[in-house]
Amino acid sequence: MMRIYTNNDRFMVWQVKQLLDEHKIPCFIKNEFASGAMGELSPLDCQPEVWLNDGSWQARAEILIEQMENHTAVEWVCSGCGETNGGNFEVCWQCGQETHIDQ
């Protein structure tokens, strides 16, 4: 077992776990609820962490995490109504048409 990711933000830790789960990389979260012990324990010991069950997945997991962290969403223009949409939208906020851009 080995730690592959840690962050103060539990949401980000869960995002990484979900990403690894989607790619069939066996992993689990440690310290998810340890923030309540902060003060009794070091803050570093209370950060939520994603751990791999098997270190042989390390290289693939690191690549996926790096791609996730470096992903920047690109604005797109709806082919239905011409509205400019933020890259975080998968459907046009104006008319509801889906984007056809591979993200």
Protein backbone atom coordinates (compact mmCIF):
# COMPACT_ATOMS: atom_id res chain seq x y z
CA MET A 1 0.00 0.00 0.00
CA MET A 2 1.18 3.52 -0.70
CA ARG A 3 -0.13 7.06 -0.41
CA ILE A 4 -0.70 8.64 -3.82
CA TYR A 5 -2.53 11.90 -3.02
CA THR A 6 -3.37 14.20 -0.14
CA ASN A 7 -5.17 17.51 0.12
CA ASN A 8 -6.83 19.57 2.85
CA ASP A 9 -9.98 19.64 0.71
CA ARG A 10 -11.96 16.40 1.15
CA PHE A 11 -13.80 17.15 -2.10
CA MET A 12 -10.53 17.00 -4.06
CA VAL A 13 -9.53 13.78 -2.33
CA TRP A 14 -12.87 12.24 -3.34
CA GLN A 15 -12.41 13.52 -6.91
CA VAL A 16 -9.08 11.70 -7.13
CA LYS A 17 -10.54 8.52 -5.65
CA GLN A 18 -13.42 8.63 -8.13
CA LEU A 19 -10.98 9.19 -11.01
CA LEU A 20 -8.89 6.19 -9.97
CA ASP A 21 -12.02 4.06 -9.44
CA GLU A 22 -13.21 4.93 -12.97
CA HIS A 23 -9.90 3.61 -14.30
CA LYS A 24 -10.15 0.42 -12.21
CA ILE A 25 -7.19 1.39 -10.01
CA PRO A 26 -7.76 -0.12 -6.55
CA CYS A 27 -7.54 2.60 -3.89
CA PHE A 28 -9.04 3.81 -0.64
CA ILE A 29 -9.26 6.96 1.49
CA LYS A 30 -7.55 7.30 4.87
CA ASN A 31 -8.14 10.04 7.47
CA GLU A 32 -11.42 11.12 5.91
CA PHE A 33 -12.88 12.15 9.26
CA ALA A 34 -9.64 12.79 11.17
CA SER A 35 -10.02 16.58 11.12
CA GLY A 36 -11.97 16.28 14.37
CA ALA A 37 -8.78 15.08 16.05
CA MET A 38 -6.76 18.10 14.94
CA GLY A 39 -5.09 19.57 17.99
CA GLU A 40 -4.64 16.16 19.55
CA LEU A 41 -2.86 15.05 16.37
CA SER A 42 -0.59 16.96 14.02
CA PRO A 43 -2.47 18.70 11.17
CA LEU A 44 -0.38 16.65 8.74
CA ASP A 45 -1.69 13.46 10.34
CA CYS A 46 -5.27 14.65 9.85
CA GLN A 47 -5.22 15.37 6.11
CA PRO A 48 -7.40 13.04 4.04
CA GLU A 49 -5.32 10.83 1.77
CA VAL A 50 -5.83 8.51 -1.19
CA TRP A 51 -3.87 5.29 -0.92
CA LEU A 52 -3.25 2.65 -3.57
CA ASN A 53 -3.83 -0.98 -2.59
CA ASP A 54 -0.93 -1.98 -4.83
CA GLY A 55 2.11 0.18 -5.63
CA SER A 56 2.31 -1.26 -9.16
CA TRP A 57 -0.45 1.22 -10.10
CA GLN A 58 1.62 4.24 -9.05
CA ALA A 59 2.79 5.39 -12.50
CA ARG A 60 -0.69 5.21 -14.05
CA ALA A 61 -2.30 6.90 -11.05
CA GLU A 62 0.22 9.76 -11.06
CA ILE A 63 -0.41 10.40 -14.77
CA LEU A 64 -4.18 10.52 -14.25
CA ILE A 65 -3.88 12.84 -11.24
CA GLU A 66 -1.52 15.16 -13.11
CA GLN A 67 -3.91 15.31 -16.08
CA MET A 68 -6.79 16.13 -13.74
CA GLU A 69 -4.86 18.88 -11.97
CA ASN A 70 -3.64 20.46 -15.23
CA HIS A 71 -6.98 20.29 -17.05
CA THR A 72 -8.23 23.69 -18.12
CA ALA A 73 -11.76 24.00 -19.42
CA VAL A 74 -12.07 25.76 -22.78
CA GLU A 75 -15.04 27.98 -23.63
CA TRP A 76 -17.22 26.77 -26.49
CA VAL A 77 -19.88 28.30 -28.73
CA CYS A 78 -23.22 26.54 -29.02
CA SER A 79 -23.99 25.42 -32.57
CA GLY A 80 -27.72 25.75 -31.82
CA CYS A 81 -28.04 29.32 -30.54
CA GLY A 82 -24.53 30.80 -30.85
CA GLU A 83 -24.18 31.41 -27.09
CA THR A 84 -20.68 31.28 -25.57
CA ASN A 85 -20.52 28.78 -22.71
CA GLY A 86 -17.88 28.24 -20.06
CA GLY A 87 -15.76 25.13 -20.38
CA ASN A 88 -17.37 23.65 -17.29
CA PHE A 89 -20.73 23.40 -19.09
CA GLU A 90 -21.54 20.18 -20.96
CA VAL A 91 -24.80 21.61 -22.29
CA CYS A 92 -25.60 25.13 -23.42
CA TRP A 93 -26.99 27.10 -20.50
CA GLN A 94 -29.17 29.10 -22.94
CA CYS A 95 -30.84 26.40 -25.06
CA GLY A 96 -29.80 23.06 -23.54
CA GLN A 97 -27.96 21.68 -26.58
CA GLU A 98 -25.03 19.38 -25.77
CA THR A 99 -21.49 20.33 -26.65
CA HIS A 100 -19.71 18.34 -29.34
CA ILE A 101 -16.23 19.27 -28.16
CA ASP A 102 -14.09 16.46 -26.73
CA GLN A 103 -12.92 17.64 -23.33
